[in-house]
């Protein structure tokens, strides 16, 4: 992933806060010799205090042999993406049709060392930590070894601890463009009102202010 200086996060807090609120990504695991990489969509919980990601997958998942062979993985998260029409980015002294269309997006890639968790009590702890993140209002029983309703299900999954070793983050929102062009993009996003336009607009304005 190419990261220009103007697209880099201002500090670690920027990408950490974004990642905490964007907790669904794709886990890339190197394939066994002769096989392509595994790319597994999954919900996860990022714990900045521990520098780790926790998740779980079903025991029959085909990626386990590859993960056992090579525990170095990448967790990729992309969101707040929009298409920007060319005329929005046209230079002030050029016709609108000469503007360059592009994509805006936020992306974080975590390079990690994976630890597979098979101990039932540890798996229950991981599940309860995830449940506390995704369902803080409660309403579901806690997982506990040998207890209903989830104790019998623990054998059907494996837990994952991903120790973060490197981070690459990018917020591509035209912050190197002149303010006149940025203002035109903000107006375009506001008027269009697409599914992620508001989030993209907020990124542009927030990063310009910083």
N, C-alpha and C. Protein backbone atom coordinates (compact mmCIF):
# COMPACT_ATOMS: atom_id res chain seq x y z
N UNK A 1 0.84 -1.19 0.00
CA UNK A 1 0.00 0.00 0.00
C UNK A 1 0.88 1.24 0.00
N UNK A 2 0.75 2.05 -1.04
CA UNK A 2 1.49 3.31 -1.13
C UNK A 2 0.89 4.33 -0.18
N UNK A 3 1.74 4.95 0.64
CA UNK A 3 1.27 5.97 1.59
C UNK A 3 2.08 7.24 1.36
N UNK A 4 1.45 8.23 0.74
CA UNK A 4 2.10 9.53 0.59
C UNK A 4 2.13 10.23 1.96
N UNK A 5 3.06 11.15 2.15
CA UNK A 5 3.13 11.85 3.45
C UNK A 5 1.82 12.52 3.86
N UNK A 6 1.08 13.06 2.90
CA UNK A 6 -0.17 13.76 3.23
C UNK A 6 -1.31 12.79 3.56
N UNK A 7 -1.13 11.51 3.24
CA UNK A 7 -2.15 10.51 3.57
C UNK A 7 -1.83 9.75 4.85
N UNK A 8 -0.66 9.94 5.40
CA UNK A 8 -0.26 9.21 6.61
C UNK A 8 -1.05 9.71 7.81
N UNK A 9 -1.28 8.86 8.80
CA UNK A 9 -1.96 9.32 10.03
C UNK A 9 -1.12 10.37 10.74
N UNK A 10 -1.81 11.30 11.38
CA UNK A 10 -1.11 12.35 12.11
C UNK A 10 -0.38 11.79 13.33
N UNK A 11 -0.93 10.74 13.92
CA UNK A 11 -0.30 10.07 15.06
C UNK A 11 -0.96 8.71 15.22
N UNK A 12 -0.47 7.91 16.16
CA UNK A 12 -1.03 6.58 16.37
C UNK A 12 -2.48 6.62 16.83
N UNK A 13 -2.83 7.66 17.58
CA UNK A 13 -4.20 7.76 18.09
C UNK A 13 -5.21 7.79 16.97
N UNK A 14 -4.87 8.44 15.86
CA UNK A 14 -5.82 8.56 14.75
C UNK A 14 -6.23 7.20 14.22
N UNK A 15 -5.25 6.35 13.90
CA UNK A 15 -5.62 5.05 13.34
C UNK A 15 -6.17 4.11 14.41
N UNK A 16 -5.70 4.24 15.65
CA UNK A 16 -6.20 3.37 16.71
C UNK A 16 -7.67 3.64 16.99
N UNK A 17 -8.06 4.90 17.06
CA UNK A 17 -9.47 5.21 17.29
C UNK A 17 -10.33 4.75 16.13
N UNK A 18 -9.83 4.94 14.92
CA UNK A 18 -10.60 4.49 13.75
C UNK A 18 -10.76 2.98 13.75
N UNK A 19 -9.69 2.26 14.07
CA UNK A 19 -9.72 0.80 14.03
C UNK A 19 -10.65 0.24 15.11
N UNK A 20 -10.69 0.90 16.26
CA UNK A 20 -11.58 0.43 17.32
C UNK A 20 -13.04 0.45 16.88
N UNK A 21 -13.39 1.41 16.04
CA UNK A 21 -14.77 1.54 15.57
C UNK A 21 -15.02 0.79 14.26
N UNK A 22 -13.97 0.25 13.65
CA UNK A 22 -14.11 -0.50 12.40
C UNK A 22 -13.52 -1.88 12.64
N UNK A 23 -14.38 -2.77 13.07
CA UNK A 23 -13.95 -4.05 13.65
C UNK A 23 -14.32 -5.25 12.79
N UNK A 24 -14.34 -5.04 11.48
CA UNK A 24 -14.53 -6.15 10.55
C UNK A 24 -13.50 -6.00 9.43
N UNK A 25 -12.74 -7.05 9.18
CA UNK A 25 -11.69 -6.96 8.17
C UNK A 25 -11.44 -8.29 7.51
N UNK A 26 -10.28 -8.40 6.86
CA UNK A 26 -9.89 -9.63 6.18
C UNK A 26 -8.51 -10.05 6.67
N UNK A 27 -8.43 -11.29 7.11
CA UNK A 27 -7.18 -11.85 7.59
C UNK A 27 -6.50 -12.60 6.46
N UNK A 28 -5.29 -12.17 6.09
CA UNK A 28 -4.53 -12.81 5.01
C UNK A 28 -3.47 -13.72 5.62
N UNK A 29 -3.52 -14.99 5.23
CA UNK A 29 -2.61 -16.01 5.74
C UNK A 29 -1.88 -16.63 4.55
N UNK A 30 -0.55 -16.70 4.62
CA UNK A 30 0.21 -17.31 3.53
C UNK A 30 -0.24 -18.75 3.32
N UNK A 31 -0.41 -19.12 2.06
CA UNK A 31 -0.80 -20.49 1.75
C UNK A 31 0.35 -21.46 1.91
N UNK A 32 0.03 -22.72 2.01
CA UNK A 32 1.06 -23.76 1.99
C UNK A 32 1.72 -23.78 0.61
N UNK A 33 2.91 -24.35 0.47
CA UNK A 33 3.59 -24.35 -0.82
C UNK A 33 2.68 -24.85 -1.95
N UNK A 34 2.58 -24.03 -2.99
CA UNK A 34 1.75 -24.38 -4.13
C UNK A 34 0.31 -23.91 -4.02
N UNK A 35 -0.08 -23.37 -2.86
CA UNK A 35 -1.44 -22.90 -2.65
C UNK A 35 -1.47 -21.37 -2.61
N UNK A 36 -2.58 -20.76 -3.02
CA UNK A 36 -2.72 -19.32 -2.89
C UNK A 36 -2.93 -18.92 -1.44
N UNK A 37 -2.79 -17.63 -1.11
CA UNK A 37 -3.04 -17.19 0.27
C UNK A 37 -4.51 -17.41 0.65
N UNK A 38 -4.74 -17.58 1.92
CA UNK A 38 -6.09 -17.59 2.47
C UNK A 38 -6.47 -16.17 2.83
N UNK A 39 -7.69 -15.76 2.50
CA UNK A 39 -8.21 -14.44 2.87
C UNK A 39 -9.54 -14.67 3.57
N UNK A 40 -9.55 -14.44 4.87
CA UNK A 40 -10.70 -14.79 5.71
C UNK A 40 -11.39 -13.54 6.26
N UNK A 41 -12.63 -13.24 5.84
CA UNK A 41 -13.37 -12.14 6.47
C UNK A 41 -13.71 -12.51 7.92
N UNK A 42 -13.60 -11.53 8.81
CA UNK A 42 -13.93 -11.83 10.21
C UNK A 42 -14.13 -10.56 11.03
N UNK A 43 -14.99 -10.70 12.04
CA UNK A 43 -15.07 -9.71 13.10
C UNK A 43 -13.88 -9.90 14.04
N UNK A 44 -13.40 -8.82 14.63
CA UNK A 44 -12.28 -8.90 15.54
C UNK A 44 -12.39 -7.79 16.57
N UNK A 45 -11.59 -7.89 17.60
CA UNK A 45 -11.47 -6.83 18.60
C UNK A 45 -10.01 -6.42 18.68
N UNK A 46 -9.75 -5.13 18.48
CA UNK A 46 -8.39 -4.62 18.61
C UNK A 46 -8.23 -4.03 20.00
N UNK A 47 -7.21 -4.47 20.71
CA UNK A 47 -6.92 -4.01 22.07
C UNK A 47 -5.62 -3.22 22.01
N UNK A 48 -5.71 -1.88 22.00
CA UNK A 48 -4.51 -1.05 21.87
C UNK A 48 -3.62 -1.16 23.10
N UNK A 49 -4.21 -1.38 24.26
CA UNK A 49 -3.42 -1.50 25.47
C UNK A 49 -2.52 -2.71 25.47
N UNK A 50 -2.99 -3.80 24.91
CA UNK A 50 -2.20 -5.04 24.84
C UNK A 50 -1.47 -5.20 23.52
N UNK A 51 -1.77 -4.32 22.57
CA UNK A 51 -1.15 -4.45 21.26
C UNK A 51 -1.52 -5.74 20.56
N UNK A 52 -2.78 -6.15 20.69
CA UNK A 52 -3.19 -7.42 20.09
C UNK A 52 -4.59 -7.33 19.52
N UNK A 53 -4.87 -8.27 18.65
CA UNK A 53 -6.20 -8.47 18.09
C UNK A 53 -6.68 -9.84 18.53
N UNK A 54 -7.95 -9.95 18.89
CA UNK A 54 -8.50 -11.25 19.24
C UNK A 54 -9.67 -11.56 18.31
N UNK A 55 -9.82 -12.84 18.01
CA UNK A 55 -10.89 -13.30 17.13
C UNK A 55 -11.05 -14.80 17.33
N UNK A 56 -11.99 -15.38 16.61
CA UNK A 56 -12.13 -16.83 16.62
C UNK A 56 -12.72 -17.27 15.29
N UNK A 57 -12.45 -18.52 14.94
CA UNK A 57 -12.97 -19.11 13.71
C UNK A 57 -13.36 -20.55 13.98
N UNK A 58 -14.18 -21.08 13.10
CA UNK A 58 -14.63 -22.47 13.25
C UNK A 58 -13.47 -23.43 13.07
N UNK A 59 -13.47 -24.51 13.82
CA UNK A 59 -12.41 -25.50 13.73
C UNK A 59 -12.26 -26.09 12.33
N UNK A 60 -13.34 -26.30 11.54
CA UNK A 60 -13.16 -26.86 10.18
C UNK A 60 -12.59 -25.88 9.17
N UNK A 61 -12.31 -24.64 9.56
CA UNK A 61 -11.81 -23.66 8.59
C UNK A 61 -10.53 -24.18 7.92
N UNK A 62 -10.43 -24.09 6.59
CA UNK A 62 -9.27 -24.66 5.90
C UNK A 62 -7.96 -23.89 6.08
N UNK A 63 -7.98 -22.73 6.72
CA UNK A 63 -6.74 -21.97 6.84
C UNK A 63 -5.82 -22.44 7.97
N UNK A 64 -6.32 -23.29 8.89
CA UNK A 64 -5.53 -23.65 10.07
C UNK A 64 -4.18 -24.30 9.73
N UNK A 65 -4.10 -25.25 8.80
CA UNK A 65 -2.78 -25.83 8.50
C UNK A 65 -1.78 -24.78 8.01
N UNK A 66 -2.25 -23.83 7.20
CA UNK A 66 -1.37 -22.77 6.71
C UNK A 66 -0.93 -21.86 7.85
N UNK A 67 -1.83 -21.58 8.76
CA UNK A 67 -1.51 -20.72 9.89
C UNK A 67 -0.53 -21.41 10.84
N UNK A 68 -0.70 -22.70 11.03
CA UNK A 68 0.24 -23.45 11.86
C UNK A 68 1.64 -23.45 11.24
N UNK A 69 1.70 -23.47 9.90
CA UNK A 69 2.99 -23.51 9.21
C UNK A 69 3.67 -22.15 9.20
N UNK A 70 2.89 -21.08 9.15
CA UNK A 70 3.46 -19.73 9.11
C UNK A 70 2.53 -18.79 9.86
N UNK A 71 2.89 -18.41 11.09
CA UNK A 71 2.00 -17.60 11.91
C UNK A 71 2.04 -16.10 11.60
N UNK A 72 2.87 -15.69 10.63
CA UNK A 72 2.94 -14.26 10.28
C UNK A 72 1.79 -13.94 9.31
N UNK A 73 0.90 -13.03 9.74
CA UNK A 73 -0.32 -12.74 8.99
C UNK A 73 -0.49 -11.23 8.85
N UNK A 74 -1.44 -10.85 8.00
CA UNK A 74 -1.82 -9.44 7.86
C UNK A 74 -3.33 -9.33 8.02
N UNK A 75 -3.75 -8.43 8.88
CA UNK A 75 -5.17 -8.10 9.02
C UNK A 75 -5.40 -6.77 8.33
N UNK A 76 -6.26 -6.77 7.33
CA UNK A 76 -6.52 -5.58 6.52
C UNK A 76 -7.94 -5.09 6.75
N UNK A 77 -8.07 -3.78 7.01
CA UNK A 77 -9.38 -3.17 7.23
C UNK A 77 -9.48 -1.94 6.33
N UNK A 78 -10.53 -1.85 5.53
CA UNK A 78 -10.77 -0.71 4.64
C UNK A 78 -12.22 -0.28 4.79
N UNK A 79 -12.44 1.03 4.93
CA UNK A 79 -13.82 1.53 5.03
C UNK A 79 -13.82 3.03 4.72
N UNK A 80 -14.98 3.64 4.86
CA UNK A 80 -15.17 5.07 4.60
C UNK A 80 -14.66 5.42 3.21
N UNK A 81 -14.92 4.53 2.25
CA UNK A 81 -14.44 4.71 0.89
C UNK A 81 -15.54 5.30 0.01
N UNK A 82 -15.14 6.17 -0.90
CA UNK A 82 -16.06 6.78 -1.84
C UNK A 82 -15.34 6.98 -3.17
N UNK A 83 -16.14 7.08 -4.22
CA UNK A 83 -15.62 7.45 -5.54
C UNK A 83 -15.75 8.96 -5.68
N UNK A 84 -14.68 9.60 -6.15
CA UNK A 84 -14.67 11.04 -6.35
C UNK A 84 -14.63 11.33 -7.85
N UNK A 85 -15.68 11.93 -8.42
CA UNK A 85 -15.70 12.23 -9.86
C UNK A 85 -14.59 13.21 -10.24
N UNK A 86 -14.11 13.08 -11.47
CA UNK A 86 -13.04 13.94 -11.94
C UNK A 86 -13.32 15.43 -11.82
N UNK A 87 -14.50 15.92 -12.22
CA UNK A 87 -14.74 17.36 -12.16
C UNK A 87 -14.57 17.97 -10.76
N UNK A 88 -14.77 17.17 -9.72
CA UNK A 88 -14.61 17.71 -8.36
C UNK A 88 -13.16 18.10 -8.09
N UNK A 89 -12.23 17.45 -8.77
CA UNK A 89 -10.81 17.68 -8.52
C UNK A 89 -10.13 18.51 -9.61
N UNK A 90 -10.89 19.09 -10.50
CA UNK A 90 -10.29 19.87 -11.58
C UNK A 90 -9.58 21.10 -11.02
N UNK A 91 -8.37 21.40 -11.51
CA UNK A 91 -7.67 22.61 -11.08
C UNK A 91 -8.51 23.84 -11.41
N UNK A 92 -8.37 24.91 -10.63
CA UNK A 92 -9.18 26.11 -10.84
C UNK A 92 -9.06 26.69 -12.24
N UNK A 93 -7.91 26.54 -12.90
CA UNK A 93 -7.71 27.13 -14.21
C UNK A 93 -7.89 26.12 -15.34
N UNK A 94 -8.54 24.99 -15.07
CA UNK A 94 -8.74 23.95 -16.07
C UNK A 94 -10.23 23.65 -16.21
N UNK A 95 -10.66 23.14 -17.38
CA UNK A 95 -12.07 22.77 -17.53
C UNK A 95 -12.40 21.59 -16.63
N UNK A 96 -13.66 21.47 -16.20
CA UNK A 96 -14.04 20.39 -15.28
C UNK A 96 -13.69 19.00 -15.79
N UNK A 97 -13.78 18.81 -17.11
CA UNK A 97 -13.54 17.46 -17.65
C UNK A 97 -12.07 17.05 -17.58
N UNK A 98 -11.20 17.97 -17.18
CA UNK A 98 -9.78 17.63 -17.04
C UNK A 98 -9.43 17.18 -15.62
N UNK A 99 -10.39 17.19 -14.73
CA UNK A 99 -10.13 16.74 -13.36
C UNK A 99 -9.89 15.24 -13.30
N UNK A 100 -9.15 14.82 -12.30
CA UNK A 100 -8.78 13.41 -12.16
C UNK A 100 -9.73 12.69 -11.20
N UNK A 101 -10.48 11.69 -11.68
CA UNK A 101 -11.28 10.89 -10.75
C UNK A 101 -10.37 10.07 -9.85
N UNK A 102 -10.85 9.78 -8.67
CA UNK A 102 -10.03 9.02 -7.72
C UNK A 102 -10.91 8.33 -6.70
N UNK A 103 -10.27 7.63 -5.78
CA UNK A 103 -10.96 7.00 -4.65
C UNK A 103 -10.46 7.63 -3.36
N UNK A 104 -11.35 7.83 -2.42
CA UNK A 104 -10.98 8.17 -1.05
C UNK A 104 -11.23 6.94 -0.19
N UNK A 105 -10.38 6.72 0.81
CA UNK A 105 -10.60 5.60 1.72
C UNK A 105 -9.71 5.73 2.94
N UNK A 106 -10.12 5.04 3.98
CA UNK A 106 -9.28 4.84 5.16
C UNK A 106 -8.90 3.37 5.21
N UNK A 107 -7.64 3.10 5.53
CA UNK A 107 -7.17 1.72 5.55
C UNK A 107 -6.13 1.53 6.65
N UNK A 108 -6.22 0.41 7.33
CA UNK A 108 -5.21 0.02 8.31
C UNK A 108 -4.83 -1.42 8.04
N UNK A 109 -3.54 -1.67 7.95
CA UNK A 109 -3.03 -3.02 7.78
C UNK A 109 -2.14 -3.35 8.98
N UNK A 110 -2.51 -4.40 9.69
CA UNK A 110 -1.76 -4.84 10.86
C UNK A 110 -0.98 -6.11 10.51
N UNK A 111 0.32 -6.03 10.61
CA UNK A 111 1.14 -7.24 10.47
C UNK A 111 1.25 -7.85 11.86
N UNK A 112 0.96 -9.13 11.95
CA UNK A 112 0.84 -9.75 13.26
C UNK A 112 1.50 -11.13 13.27
N UNK A 113 1.79 -11.58 14.48
CA UNK A 113 2.18 -12.96 14.71
C UNK A 113 1.02 -13.65 15.42
N UNK A 114 0.50 -14.69 14.82
CA UNK A 114 -0.71 -15.34 15.32
C UNK A 114 -0.39 -16.43 16.33
N UNK A 115 -1.21 -16.48 17.35
CA UNK A 115 -1.17 -17.58 18.32
C UNK A 115 -2.54 -18.24 18.32
N UNK A 116 -2.59 -19.52 18.04
CA UNK A 116 -3.85 -20.26 18.05
C UNK A 116 -4.16 -20.68 19.48
N UNK A 117 -5.39 -20.46 19.89
CA UNK A 117 -5.82 -20.76 21.26
C UNK A 117 -6.75 -21.97 21.21
N UNK A 118 -6.34 -23.05 21.87
CA UNK A 118 -7.15 -24.27 21.91
C UNK A 118 -7.66 -24.60 23.31
N UNK A 119 -7.06 -24.01 24.34
CA UNK A 119 -7.50 -24.30 25.70
C UNK A 119 -8.94 -23.81 25.89
N UNK A 120 -9.86 -24.66 26.37
CA UNK A 120 -11.26 -24.27 26.47
C UNK A 120 -11.50 -23.03 27.33
N UNK A 121 -10.82 -22.93 28.47
CA UNK A 121 -11.03 -21.77 29.34
C UNK A 121 -10.53 -20.49 28.67
N UNK A 122 -9.41 -20.57 27.98
CA UNK A 122 -8.89 -19.40 27.28
C UNK A 122 -9.80 -19.01 26.11
N UNK A 123 -10.34 -20.00 25.43
CA UNK A 123 -11.29 -19.70 24.35
C UNK A 123 -12.53 -19.02 24.90
N UNK A 124 -13.02 -19.48 26.03
CA UNK A 124 -14.18 -18.84 26.64
C UNK A 124 -13.88 -17.39 27.00
N UNK A 125 -12.68 -17.14 27.50
CA UNK A 125 -12.30 -15.76 27.84
C UNK A 125 -12.27 -14.88 26.59
N UNK A 126 -11.70 -15.39 25.50
CA UNK A 126 -11.68 -14.61 24.26
C UNK A 126 -13.09 -14.31 23.77
N UNK A 127 -13.96 -15.30 23.83
CA UNK A 127 -15.33 -15.09 23.38
C UNK A 127 -16.04 -14.04 24.23
N UNK A 128 -15.81 -14.08 25.53
CA UNK A 128 -16.47 -13.10 26.41
C UNK A 128 -15.93 -11.69 26.19
N UNK A 129 -14.64 -11.58 25.89
CA UNK A 129 -14.09 -10.26 25.57
C UNK A 129 -14.69 -9.72 24.28
N UNK A 130 -14.86 -10.59 23.30
CA UNK A 130 -15.48 -10.15 22.04
C UNK A 130 -16.95 -9.78 22.26
N UNK A 131 -17.64 -10.57 23.04
CA UNK A 131 -19.04 -10.28 23.30
C UNK A 131 -19.19 -8.94 24.02
N UNK A 132 -18.27 -8.63 24.94
CA UNK A 132 -18.33 -7.36 25.63
C UNK A 132 -18.12 -6.18 24.70
N UNK A 133 -17.35 -6.39 23.65
CA UNK A 133 -17.12 -5.32 22.67
C UNK A 133 -18.32 -5.14 21.74
N UNK A 134 -18.80 -6.25 21.17
CA UNK A 134 -19.84 -6.16 20.17
C UNK A 134 -21.24 -6.05 20.76
N UNK A 135 -21.41 -6.49 21.98
CA UNK A 135 -22.74 -6.48 22.59
C UNK A 135 -22.64 -5.97 24.02
N UNK A 136 -22.20 -4.71 24.19
CA UNK A 136 -22.01 -4.19 25.55
C UNK A 136 -23.30 -4.09 26.35
N UNK A 137 -24.43 -4.07 25.65
CA UNK A 137 -25.71 -4.00 26.36
C UNK A 137 -26.08 -5.32 27.01
N UNK A 138 -25.30 -6.37 26.76
CA UNK A 138 -25.60 -7.67 27.36
C UNK A 138 -26.71 -8.38 26.60
N UNK A 139 -27.40 -9.25 27.32
CA UNK A 139 -28.51 -9.98 26.71
C UNK A 139 -28.18 -11.39 26.31
N UNK A 140 -26.90 -11.77 26.39
CA UNK A 140 -26.49 -13.14 26.07
C UNK A 140 -25.72 -13.72 27.24
N UNK A 141 -25.81 -15.04 27.40
CA UNK A 141 -25.09 -15.71 28.47
C UNK A 141 -23.59 -15.65 28.20
N UNK A 142 -22.79 -15.72 29.25
CA UNK A 142 -21.35 -15.77 29.10
C UNK A 142 -20.91 -17.19 28.77
N UNK A 143 -19.84 -17.28 28.01
CA UNK A 143 -19.28 -18.59 27.70
C UNK A 143 -18.48 -19.10 28.90
N UNK A 144 -18.68 -20.34 29.26
CA UNK A 144 -17.95 -20.96 30.37
C UNK A 144 -17.82 -22.45 30.09
N UNK A 145 -16.68 -23.00 30.40
CA UNK A 145 -16.41 -24.40 30.12
C UNK A 145 -17.41 -25.28 30.86
N UNK A 146 -18.05 -26.17 30.13
CA UNK A 146 -18.96 -27.14 30.72
C UNK A 146 -20.31 -26.59 31.12
N UNK A 147 -20.58 -25.32 30.80
CA UNK A 147 -21.86 -24.72 31.19
C UNK A 147 -22.67 -24.39 29.94
N UNK A 148 -23.99 -24.54 30.06
CA UNK A 148 -24.88 -24.17 28.97
C UNK A 148 -25.00 -22.65 28.92
N UNK A 149 -25.28 -22.09 27.74
CA UNK A 149 -25.55 -22.80 26.48
C UNK A 149 -24.33 -22.94 25.58
N UNK A 150 -23.22 -22.28 25.93
CA UNK A 150 -22.10 -22.20 24.98
C UNK A 150 -20.95 -23.16 25.28
N UNK A 151 -20.94 -23.75 26.46
CA UNK A 151 -19.82 -24.61 26.81
C UNK A 151 -19.60 -25.75 25.85
N UNK A 152 -20.68 -26.34 25.38
CA UNK A 152 -20.54 -27.47 24.46
C UNK A 152 -20.06 -27.04 23.08
N UNK A 153 -20.14 -25.74 22.78
CA UNK A 153 -19.74 -25.26 21.45
C UNK A 153 -18.26 -24.92 21.37
N UNK A 154 -17.58 -24.84 22.51
CA UNK A 154 -16.18 -24.41 22.51
C UNK A 154 -15.28 -25.34 21.70
N UNK A 155 -15.62 -26.64 21.68
CA UNK A 155 -14.77 -27.58 20.95
C UNK A 155 -14.86 -27.38 19.45
N UNK A 156 -15.87 -26.66 18.98
CA UNK A 156 -16.07 -26.46 17.56
C UNK A 156 -15.38 -25.24 16.98
N UNK A 157 -14.58 -24.57 17.80
CA UNK A 157 -13.89 -23.38 17.31
C UNK A 157 -12.48 -23.31 17.88
N UNK A 158 -11.69 -22.44 17.30
CA UNK A 158 -10.34 -22.15 17.81
C UNK A 158 -10.21 -20.64 17.94
N UNK A 159 -9.55 -20.22 18.99
CA UNK A 159 -9.35 -18.80 19.20
C UNK A 159 -8.09 -18.30 18.53
N UNK A 160 -8.04 -16.99 18.35
CA UNK A 160 -6.87 -16.36 17.73
C UNK A 160 -6.43 -15.16 18.56
N UNK A 161 -5.16 -15.12 18.86
CA UNK A 161 -4.51 -13.92 19.39
C UNK A 161 -3.50 -13.46 18.34
N UNK A 162 -3.63 -12.23 17.90
CA UNK A 162 -2.72 -11.70 16.89
C UNK A 162 -1.90 -10.58 17.54
N UNK A 163 -0.63 -10.84 17.76
CA UNK A 163 0.26 -9.84 18.35
C UNK A 163 0.73 -8.91 17.24
N UNK A 164 0.40 -7.63 17.37
CA UNK A 164 0.71 -6.65 16.33
C UNK A 164 2.21 -6.32 16.36
N UNK A 165 2.86 -6.47 15.20
CA UNK A 165 4.30 -6.18 15.10
C UNK A 165 4.59 -4.98 14.21
N UNK A 166 3.65 -4.62 13.34
CA UNK A 166 3.86 -3.48 12.45
C UNK A 166 2.51 -2.96 11.98
N UNK A 167 2.42 -1.65 11.78
CA UNK A 167 1.16 -1.03 11.37
C UNK A 167 1.41 -0.13 10.17
N UNK A 168 0.56 -0.26 9.17
CA UNK A 168 0.53 0.67 8.05
C UNK A 168 -0.88 1.23 7.96
N UNK A 169 -1.00 2.55 8.01
CA UNK A 169 -2.30 3.20 8.02
C UNK A 169 -2.33 4.33 7.00
N UNK A 170 -3.49 4.56 6.43
CA UNK A 170 -3.62 5.57 5.37
C UNK A 170 -5.01 6.19 5.43
N UNK A 171 -5.05 7.52 5.30
CA UNK A 171 -6.30 8.26 5.22
C UNK A 171 -6.22 9.13 3.95
N UNK A 172 -6.74 8.63 2.86
CA UNK A 172 -6.60 9.28 1.55
C UNK A 172 -7.82 10.17 1.31
N UNK A 173 -7.67 11.46 1.59
CA UNK A 173 -8.79 12.39 1.49
C UNK A 173 -8.38 13.75 0.94
N UNK A 174 -7.49 13.74 -0.07
CA UNK A 174 -7.15 14.95 -0.83
C UNK A 174 -6.62 16.10 0.02
N UNK A 175 -5.96 15.79 1.12
CA UNK A 175 -5.49 16.86 2.00
C UNK A 175 -4.27 17.59 1.45
N UNK A 176 -3.73 17.13 0.31
CA UNK A 176 -2.64 17.86 -0.35
C UNK A 176 -3.17 18.82 -1.41
N UNK A 177 -4.49 18.78 -1.66
CA UNK A 177 -5.08 19.64 -2.68
C UNK A 177 -5.30 21.06 -2.14
N UNK A 178 -5.33 22.07 -3.03
CA UNK A 178 -5.66 23.43 -2.59
C UNK A 178 -7.03 23.47 -1.93
N UNK A 179 -7.21 24.42 -1.02
CA UNK A 179 -8.47 24.50 -0.28
C UNK A 179 -9.66 24.68 -1.22
N UNK A 180 -9.48 25.38 -2.31
CA UNK A 180 -10.59 25.57 -3.25
C UNK A 180 -11.10 24.24 -3.77
N UNK A 181 -10.18 23.33 -4.08
CA UNK A 181 -10.59 22.01 -4.55
C UNK A 181 -11.19 21.20 -3.41
N UNK A 182 -10.59 21.27 -2.24
CA UNK A 182 -11.15 20.56 -1.09
C UNK A 182 -12.57 21.03 -0.80
N UNK A 183 -12.80 22.34 -0.88
CA UNK A 183 -14.15 22.87 -0.64
C UNK A 183 -15.14 22.33 -1.67
N UNK A 184 -14.69 22.22 -2.93
CA UNK A 184 -15.56 21.69 -3.98
C UNK A 184 -15.89 20.23 -3.70
N UNK A 185 -14.90 19.47 -3.23
CA UNK A 185 -15.15 18.06 -2.90
C UNK A 185 -16.12 17.94 -1.73
N UNK A 186 -15.93 18.77 -0.71
CA UNK A 186 -16.85 18.75 0.43
C UNK A 186 -18.27 19.04 -0.02
N UNK A 187 -18.43 20.02 -0.89
CA UNK A 187 -19.77 20.36 -1.40
C UNK A 187 -20.35 19.19 -2.19
N UNK A 188 -19.51 18.56 -3.00
CA UNK A 188 -20.00 17.44 -3.78
C UNK A 188 -20.43 16.27 -2.93
N UNK A 189 -19.64 15.95 -1.90
CA UNK A 189 -20.01 14.86 -1.00
C UNK A 189 -21.29 15.17 -0.25
N UNK A 190 -21.44 16.44 0.17
CA UNK A 190 -22.65 16.84 0.90
C UNK A 190 -23.88 16.72 0.03
N UNK A 191 -23.78 17.17 -1.22
CA UNK A 191 -24.93 17.13 -2.12
C UNK A 191 -25.27 15.70 -2.53
N UNK A 192 -24.24 14.91 -2.81
CA UNK A 192 -24.50 13.54 -3.27
C UNK A 192 -25.12 12.69 -2.17
N UNK A 193 -24.59 12.78 -0.97
CA UNK A 193 -25.20 12.09 0.17
C UNK A 193 -25.24 10.59 0.05
N UNK A 194 -24.19 9.98 -0.52
CA UNK A 194 -24.15 8.53 -0.65
C UNK A 194 -23.88 7.85 0.68
N UNK A 195 -23.83 6.50 0.67
CA UNK A 195 -23.73 5.75 1.92
C UNK A 195 -22.54 6.12 2.79
N UNK A 196 -21.39 6.44 2.21
CA UNK A 196 -20.19 6.75 3.00
C UNK A 196 -19.70 8.18 2.79
N UNK A 197 -20.50 8.98 2.09
CA UNK A 197 -20.06 10.34 1.78
C UNK A 197 -19.87 11.19 3.03
N UNK A 198 -20.75 11.05 4.01
CA UNK A 198 -20.63 11.85 5.22
C UNK A 198 -19.34 11.52 5.97
N UNK A 199 -19.01 10.23 6.05
CA UNK A 199 -17.79 9.83 6.75
C UNK A 199 -16.56 10.36 6.02
N UNK A 200 -16.55 10.26 4.69
CA UNK A 200 -15.42 10.77 3.91
C UNK A 200 -15.28 12.28 4.09
N UNK A 201 -16.39 12.99 4.07
CA UNK A 201 -16.35 14.45 4.27
C UNK A 201 -15.77 14.79 5.64
N UNK A 202 -16.17 14.05 6.66
CA UNK A 202 -15.66 14.33 8.00
C UNK A 202 -14.16 14.08 8.09
N UNK A 203 -13.69 13.03 7.43
CA UNK A 203 -12.25 12.78 7.41
C UNK A 203 -11.50 13.95 6.77
N UNK A 204 -12.00 14.41 5.62
CA UNK A 204 -11.35 15.51 4.91
C UNK A 204 -11.28 16.75 5.79
N UNK A 205 -12.40 17.11 6.39
CA UNK A 205 -12.45 18.32 7.21
C UNK A 205 -11.61 18.17 8.47
N UNK A 206 -11.69 17.02 9.09
CA UNK A 206 -10.94 16.81 10.35
C UNK A 206 -9.44 16.88 10.09
N UNK A 207 -9.00 16.25 9.03
CA UNK A 207 -7.57 16.22 8.76
C UNK A 207 -7.07 17.59 8.26
N UNK A 208 -7.92 18.32 7.57
CA UNK A 208 -7.54 19.67 7.15
C UNK A 208 -7.38 20.57 8.37
N UNK A 209 -8.27 20.40 9.32
CA UNK A 209 -8.20 21.21 10.53
C UNK A 209 -6.97 20.94 11.37
N UNK A 210 -6.51 19.66 11.31
CA UNK A 210 -5.33 19.29 12.10
C UNK A 210 -4.05 19.76 11.44
